[in-house]
Amino acid sequence: MKTNRKNDTALYYTMLEQTKTSPDNVFALGCKNFFRGLKVIDDGDYEEGIKAISATFELYQKLGLEDMYRKQVTILQDILSTRLQESSRQRRV
């Protein structure tokens, strides 16, 4: 997603949706929900994507999963920063 390779990103999202996850596997469910939120952002709905990701982050904090929270916040910040830079470049052209 960060490199803007739409075909690769679509393949990864398809694989993610097809991956079976146990309902009691908080780590796997959290990751899936986080990446679903990223997909919503990638599809252009930033507000809904951020809402979905925020709900996942709230769960992490309630469960004390600070390491997961920090890692995914870093991923989100990196992607949003890249998108902002791309958007700025497009406006200048």
Protein backbone atom coordinates (compact mmCIF):
# COMPACT_ATOMS: atom_id res chain seq x y z
CA MET A 1 0.00 0.00 0.00
CA LYS A 2 2.78 2.39 0.88
CA THR A 3 4.53 1.91 -2.46
CA ASN A 4 1.21 2.37 -4.27
CA ARG A 5 1.37 -0.99 -6.05
CA LYS A 6 -2.37 -1.54 -6.47
CA ASN A 7 -2.13 -5.11 -7.83
CA ASP A 8 0.11 -6.31 -4.99
CA THR A 9 -2.03 -4.56 -2.41
CA ALA A 10 -5.23 -6.08 -3.81
CA LEU A 11 -3.67 -9.56 -3.69
CA TYR A 12 -2.63 -9.13 -0.05
CA TYR A 13 -6.08 -7.92 0.96
CA THR A 14 -7.69 -10.87 -0.82
CA MET A 15 -5.34 -13.27 0.97
CA LEU A 16 -6.11 -11.58 4.29
CA GLU A 17 -9.87 -11.99 3.81
CA GLN A 18 -9.45 -15.66 2.90
CA THR A 19 -7.34 -16.41 5.96
CA LYS A 20 -9.33 -18.22 8.63
CA THR A 21 -9.00 -16.78 12.11
CA SER A 22 -10.05 -18.32 15.38
CA PRO A 23 -12.53 -16.10 17.25
CA ASP A 24 -10.35 -16.22 20.37
CA ASN A 25 -7.10 -15.23 18.62
CA VAL A 26 -6.93 -11.55 19.59
CA PHE A 27 -3.61 -11.01 17.81
CA ALA A 28 -4.86 -12.32 14.45
CA LEU A 29 -8.24 -10.62 14.70
CA GLY A 30 -6.61 -7.33 15.65
CA CYS A 31 -4.25 -7.52 12.69
CA LYS A 32 -7.08 -8.36 10.30
CA ASN A 33 -9.18 -5.47 11.59
CA PHE A 34 -6.25 -3.09 11.37
CA PHE A 35 -5.54 -4.04 7.76
CA ARG A 36 -9.24 -3.88 6.88
CA GLY A 37 -9.15 -0.30 8.14
CA LEU A 38 -6.11 0.37 5.96
CA LYS A 39 -8.01 -1.04 2.99
CA VAL A 40 -10.90 1.34 3.65
CA ILE A 41 -8.39 4.20 3.70
CA ASP A 42 -6.79 2.87 0.51
CA ASP A 43 -10.24 2.79 -1.09
CA GLY A 44 -10.55 6.51 -0.33
CA ASP A 45 -12.68 6.68 2.82
CA TYR A 46 -10.16 8.05 5.32
CA GLU A 47 -12.73 8.83 8.01
CA GLU A 48 -14.25 5.34 8.13
CA GLY A 49 -10.83 3.68 7.89
CA ILE A 50 -9.52 5.70 10.83
CA LYS A 51 -12.66 4.86 12.84
CA ALA A 52 -12.13 1.13 12.25
CA ILE A 53 -8.46 1.35 13.16
CA SER A 54 -9.21 3.44 16.25
CA ALA A 55 -11.62 0.77 17.51
CA THR A 56 -8.87 -1.82 17.11
CA PHE A 57 -6.40 0.42 18.96
CA GLU A 58 -8.88 0.92 21.81
CA LEU A 59 -9.17 -2.85 22.17
CA TYR A 60 -5.38 -3.20 22.28
CA GLN A 61 -5.17 -0.62 25.03
CA LYS A 62 -7.94 -2.27 27.07
CA LEU A 63 -6.17 -5.62 26.80
CA GLY A 64 -2.72 -4.19 27.53
CA LEU A 65 -1.34 -5.03 24.07
CA GLU A 66 0.91 -1.98 23.96
CA ASP A 67 3.50 -3.55 21.65
CA MET A 68 0.91 -4.32 18.97
CA TYR A 69 -0.54 -0.86 19.40
CA ARG A 70 2.83 0.86 18.94
CA LYS A 71 3.78 -1.24 15.90
CA GLN A 72 0.52 -0.59 14.12
CA VAL A 73 0.53 3.12 14.99
CA THR A 74 3.96 3.32 13.37
CA ILE A 75 2.64 1.56 10.24
CA LEU A 76 -0.37 3.87 10.08
CA GLN A 77 1.73 7.01 10.54
CA ASP A 78 4.15 5.88 7.84
CA ILE A 79 1.38 5.16 5.34
CA LEU A 80 -0.48 8.39 6.04
CA SER A 81 2.75 10.37 5.77
CA THR A 82 3.50 8.77 2.41
CA ARG A 83 -0.02 9.51 1.19
CA LEU A 84 0.23 13.12 2.32
CA GLN A 85 3.52 13.54 0.46
CA GLU A 86 2.01 12.03 -2.70
CA SER A 87 -1.01 14.29 -2.41
CA SER A 88 1.21 17.36 -2.02
CA ARG A 89 3.24 16.40 -5.10
CA GLN A 90 0.08 15.90 -7.17
CA ARG A 91 -1.26 19.33 -6.22
CA ARG A 92 1.99 20.99 -7.29
CA VAL A 93 1.89 19.35 -10.73
